[in-house]
N, C-alpha and C. Protein backbone atom coordinates (compact mmCIF):
# COMPACT_ATOMS: atom_id res chain seq x y z
N ASP A 1 8.44 2.37 -24.75
CA ASP A 1 7.40 2.23 -25.76
C ASP A 1 6.24 1.40 -25.23
N LEU A 2 5.04 1.79 -25.64
CA LEU A 2 3.85 1.04 -25.24
C LEU A 2 3.61 -0.10 -26.21
N PRO A 3 3.13 -1.24 -25.70
CA PRO A 3 2.74 -2.31 -26.61
C PRO A 3 1.55 -1.83 -27.45
N ALA A 4 1.31 -2.51 -28.55
CA ALA A 4 0.20 -2.15 -29.44
C ALA A 4 -1.09 -2.03 -28.64
N ALA A 5 -1.82 -0.96 -28.86
CA ALA A 5 -3.13 -0.69 -28.27
C ALA A 5 -3.10 -0.29 -26.79
N ALA A 6 -1.95 -0.27 -26.15
CA ALA A 6 -1.90 0.16 -24.74
C ALA A 6 -2.13 1.67 -24.67
N GLN A 7 -2.98 2.07 -23.74
CA GLN A 7 -3.29 3.49 -23.55
C GLN A 7 -2.44 4.12 -22.45
N ARG A 8 -2.06 3.33 -21.46
CA ARG A 8 -1.30 3.82 -20.33
C ARG A 8 -0.26 2.78 -19.91
N ALA A 9 0.84 3.29 -19.36
CA ALA A 9 1.88 2.40 -18.83
C ALA A 9 2.35 2.96 -17.50
N PHE A 10 2.60 2.07 -16.56
CA PHE A 10 3.06 2.46 -15.24
C PHE A 10 4.30 1.63 -14.90
N GLU A 11 5.37 2.30 -14.55
CA GLU A 11 6.58 1.61 -14.11
C GLU A 11 6.49 1.49 -12.59
N VAL A 12 6.58 0.26 -12.09
CA VAL A 12 6.30 -0.01 -10.68
C VAL A 12 7.51 -0.65 -10.01
N ARG A 13 7.78 -0.22 -8.79
CA ARG A 13 8.75 -0.90 -7.92
C ARG A 13 8.04 -1.13 -6.59
N VAL A 14 7.91 -2.38 -6.18
CA VAL A 14 7.17 -2.75 -4.97
C VAL A 14 8.04 -2.53 -3.75
N GLY A 15 7.42 -1.96 -2.72
CA GLY A 15 8.10 -1.74 -1.44
C GLY A 15 7.73 -2.82 -0.44
N LYS A 16 7.58 -2.41 0.82
CA LYS A 16 7.23 -3.35 1.89
C LYS A 16 5.81 -3.86 1.77
N GLU A 17 4.91 -3.01 1.32
CA GLU A 17 3.49 -3.34 1.24
C GLU A 17 3.12 -3.71 -0.20
N PRO A 18 2.05 -4.49 -0.38
CA PRO A 18 1.59 -4.77 -1.74
C PRO A 18 1.26 -3.47 -2.48
N TRP A 19 1.45 -3.47 -3.77
CA TRP A 19 1.18 -2.32 -4.61
C TRP A 19 -0.29 -2.34 -5.02
N VAL A 20 -0.97 -1.21 -4.90
CA VAL A 20 -2.39 -1.12 -5.24
C VAL A 20 -2.58 -0.01 -6.27
N HIS A 21 -3.36 -0.33 -7.32
CA HIS A 21 -3.59 0.62 -8.40
C HIS A 21 -5.05 0.57 -8.84
N GLY A 22 -5.75 1.69 -8.78
CA GLY A 22 -7.12 1.78 -9.28
C GLY A 22 -7.12 1.72 -10.79
N LEU A 23 -7.68 0.67 -11.35
CA LEU A 23 -7.66 0.48 -12.80
C LEU A 23 -8.54 1.51 -13.50
N GLN A 24 -8.02 2.04 -14.59
CA GLN A 24 -8.77 2.99 -15.40
C GLN A 24 -9.34 2.31 -16.64
N ALA A 25 -8.87 1.12 -16.94
CA ALA A 25 -9.34 0.36 -18.11
C ALA A 25 -9.66 -1.06 -17.66
N ARG A 26 -10.49 -1.75 -18.42
CA ARG A 26 -10.90 -3.11 -18.05
C ARG A 26 -9.87 -4.17 -18.42
N THR A 27 -8.99 -3.88 -19.38
CA THR A 27 -8.00 -4.87 -19.82
C THR A 27 -6.60 -4.37 -19.47
N PHE A 28 -5.78 -5.28 -18.94
CA PHE A 28 -4.43 -4.90 -18.53
C PHE A 28 -3.51 -6.11 -18.64
N THR A 29 -2.21 -5.83 -18.57
CA THR A 29 -1.20 -6.89 -18.51
C THR A 29 -0.01 -6.39 -17.70
N ILE A 30 0.75 -7.32 -17.17
CA ILE A 30 1.99 -7.02 -16.45
C ILE A 30 3.13 -7.62 -17.26
N GLY A 31 4.18 -6.85 -17.46
CA GLY A 31 5.33 -7.33 -18.22
C GLY A 31 6.63 -6.82 -17.63
N ASN A 32 7.72 -7.25 -18.21
CA ASN A 32 9.07 -6.80 -17.82
C ASN A 32 9.33 -6.96 -16.32
N VAL A 33 8.97 -8.09 -15.78
CA VAL A 33 9.12 -8.33 -14.34
C VAL A 33 10.59 -8.62 -14.02
N ALA A 34 11.10 -7.89 -13.03
CA ALA A 34 12.43 -8.15 -12.49
C ALA A 34 12.22 -8.41 -11.00
N GLY A 35 12.30 -9.65 -10.58
CA GLY A 35 12.03 -10.03 -9.20
C GLY A 35 10.98 -11.12 -9.18
N GLU A 36 10.13 -11.10 -8.13
CA GLU A 36 9.16 -12.18 -7.96
C GLU A 36 7.79 -11.64 -7.56
N ILE A 37 6.80 -11.87 -8.39
CA ILE A 37 5.42 -11.56 -8.03
C ILE A 37 4.84 -12.78 -7.35
N ARG A 38 4.32 -12.59 -6.13
CA ARG A 38 3.77 -13.70 -5.36
C ARG A 38 2.29 -13.92 -5.69
N ARG A 39 1.52 -12.84 -5.62
CA ARG A 39 0.08 -12.92 -5.84
C ARG A 39 -0.40 -11.63 -6.48
N ARG A 40 -1.53 -11.74 -7.17
CA ARG A 40 -2.22 -10.54 -7.61
C ARG A 40 -3.71 -10.80 -7.48
N ALA A 41 -4.43 -9.72 -7.25
CA ALA A 41 -5.87 -9.84 -7.03
C ALA A 41 -6.55 -8.58 -7.53
N LEU A 42 -7.84 -8.70 -7.78
CA LEU A 42 -8.69 -7.54 -8.06
C LEU A 42 -9.54 -7.29 -6.83
N ASP A 43 -9.50 -6.08 -6.33
CA ASP A 43 -10.35 -5.65 -5.23
C ASP A 43 -11.41 -4.75 -5.84
N CYS A 44 -12.64 -5.24 -5.92
CA CYS A 44 -13.72 -4.50 -6.58
C CYS A 44 -14.84 -4.21 -5.58
N ALA A 45 -15.74 -3.34 -5.99
CA ALA A 45 -16.87 -2.98 -5.13
C ALA A 45 -17.68 -4.22 -4.74
N ASN A 46 -17.72 -5.23 -5.61
CA ASN A 46 -18.51 -6.43 -5.33
C ASN A 46 -17.68 -7.60 -4.81
N GLY A 47 -16.46 -7.35 -4.33
CA GLY A 47 -15.66 -8.42 -3.73
C GLY A 47 -14.24 -8.47 -4.25
N ARG A 48 -13.51 -9.45 -3.75
CA ARG A 48 -12.10 -9.63 -4.13
C ARG A 48 -11.95 -10.93 -4.91
N LYS A 49 -11.17 -10.90 -5.96
CA LYS A 49 -10.93 -12.07 -6.81
C LYS A 49 -9.43 -12.24 -6.98
N ARG A 50 -8.92 -13.39 -6.58
CA ARG A 50 -7.50 -13.68 -6.77
C ARG A 50 -7.27 -14.04 -8.24
N LEU A 51 -6.18 -13.55 -8.81
CA LEU A 51 -5.86 -13.80 -10.21
C LEU A 51 -4.61 -14.65 -10.31
N GLU A 52 -4.65 -15.61 -11.18
CA GLU A 52 -3.46 -16.42 -11.49
C GLU A 52 -2.49 -15.49 -12.22
N TYR A 53 -1.24 -15.45 -11.77
CA TYR A 53 -0.27 -14.58 -12.42
C TYR A 53 0.37 -15.30 -13.60
N GLN A 54 0.32 -14.64 -14.77
CA GLN A 54 1.03 -15.10 -15.96
C GLN A 54 1.60 -13.86 -16.63
N GLN A 55 2.89 -13.84 -16.78
CA GLN A 55 3.54 -12.68 -17.38
C GLN A 55 3.14 -12.52 -18.84
N ASN A 56 2.93 -11.26 -19.23
CA ASN A 56 2.63 -10.87 -20.61
C ASN A 56 1.33 -11.48 -21.15
N VAL A 57 0.38 -11.79 -20.25
CA VAL A 57 -0.93 -12.28 -20.66
C VAL A 57 -1.95 -11.20 -20.30
N ASP A 58 -2.78 -10.80 -21.26
CA ASP A 58 -3.82 -9.79 -20.99
C ASP A 58 -4.91 -10.39 -20.11
N TRP A 59 -5.45 -9.57 -19.22
CA TRP A 59 -6.55 -9.99 -18.37
C TRP A 59 -7.63 -8.92 -18.48
N THR A 60 -8.88 -9.32 -18.64
CA THR A 60 -9.99 -8.38 -18.75
C THR A 60 -10.93 -8.54 -17.57
N VAL A 61 -11.25 -7.42 -16.94
CA VAL A 61 -12.19 -7.41 -15.82
C VAL A 61 -13.57 -7.76 -16.37
N PRO A 62 -14.25 -8.74 -15.79
CA PRO A 62 -15.57 -9.15 -16.28
C PRO A 62 -16.60 -8.01 -16.22
N GLU A 63 -17.56 -8.05 -17.12
CA GLU A 63 -18.68 -7.11 -17.11
C GLU A 63 -19.35 -7.17 -15.74
N GLY A 64 -19.78 -6.04 -15.26
CA GLY A 64 -20.48 -5.99 -13.99
C GLY A 64 -19.59 -5.76 -12.78
N TRP A 65 -18.29 -5.97 -12.92
CA TRP A 65 -17.37 -5.70 -11.82
C TRP A 65 -17.09 -4.20 -11.84
N GLN A 66 -17.27 -3.54 -10.73
CA GLN A 66 -17.15 -2.08 -10.67
C GLN A 66 -16.05 -1.64 -9.70
N ALA A 67 -15.47 -0.48 -9.99
CA ALA A 67 -14.50 0.17 -9.10
C ALA A 67 -13.41 -0.79 -8.66
N CYS A 68 -12.68 -1.35 -9.62
CA CYS A 68 -11.65 -2.35 -9.32
C CYS A 68 -10.27 -1.74 -9.15
N ALA A 69 -9.55 -2.28 -8.20
CA ALA A 69 -8.14 -1.95 -7.99
C ALA A 69 -7.34 -3.23 -8.13
N LEU A 70 -6.20 -3.13 -8.78
CA LEU A 70 -5.28 -4.25 -8.90
C LEU A 70 -4.35 -4.23 -7.69
N VAL A 71 -4.21 -5.37 -7.03
CA VAL A 71 -3.33 -5.51 -5.86
C VAL A 71 -2.25 -6.51 -6.24
N VAL A 72 -0.99 -6.09 -6.16
CA VAL A 72 0.14 -6.96 -6.51
C VAL A 72 1.01 -7.13 -5.28
N ASP A 73 1.12 -8.37 -4.82
CA ASP A 73 2.01 -8.71 -3.71
C ASP A 73 3.26 -9.31 -4.31
N ALA A 74 4.39 -8.68 -4.07
CA ALA A 74 5.65 -9.13 -4.67
C ALA A 74 6.78 -9.00 -3.67
N LYS A 75 7.84 -9.71 -3.96
CA LYS A 75 9.05 -9.61 -3.15
C LYS A 75 9.53 -8.15 -3.21
N ARG A 76 9.98 -7.63 -2.09
CA ARG A 76 10.43 -6.24 -2.02
C ARG A 76 11.44 -5.93 -3.12
N SER A 77 11.30 -4.78 -3.73
CA SER A 77 12.14 -4.27 -4.82
C SER A 77 11.85 -4.91 -6.17
N THR A 78 10.83 -5.77 -6.25
CA THR A 78 10.42 -6.29 -7.56
C THR A 78 9.92 -5.12 -8.40
N SER A 79 10.30 -5.11 -9.66
CA SER A 79 9.82 -4.06 -10.56
C SER A 79 9.11 -4.70 -11.74
N PHE A 80 8.18 -3.95 -12.32
CA PHE A 80 7.44 -4.43 -13.48
C PHE A 80 6.76 -3.26 -14.16
N MET A 81 6.21 -3.53 -15.33
CA MET A 81 5.41 -2.55 -16.06
C MET A 81 3.96 -3.03 -16.05
N LEU A 82 3.05 -2.12 -15.77
CA LEU A 82 1.63 -2.38 -15.90
C LEU A 82 1.14 -1.61 -17.13
N TYR A 83 0.49 -2.32 -18.04
CA TYR A 83 -0.07 -1.70 -19.24
C TYR A 83 -1.58 -1.82 -19.17
N GLU A 84 -2.28 -0.72 -19.43
CA GLU A 84 -3.74 -0.73 -19.47
C GLU A 84 -4.19 -0.46 -20.90
N PHE A 85 -5.21 -1.19 -21.32
CA PHE A 85 -5.75 -1.11 -22.67
C PHE A 85 -7.20 -0.66 -22.60
N GLU A 86 -7.64 0.15 -23.55
CA GLU A 86 -9.05 0.58 -23.61
C GLU A 86 -9.90 -0.48 -24.22
């Protein structure tokens, strides 16, 4: 089930390399983590921004940031859900 107002959900299992996802919405959250997330960042056309990881907290990409991808560095086999909101 999607949380209230979520438009998309992605079930993720991290392998050897960090997981990268081109965001389709400006607001997102990570939940249901099994394992350890080390770092997450936004890779955008205008630069890279490291994000403080907090489970089940919504994060909104600031106005003016374009073509952003979420990069999640986690311990191998860590799984989580990514929810995107419109």
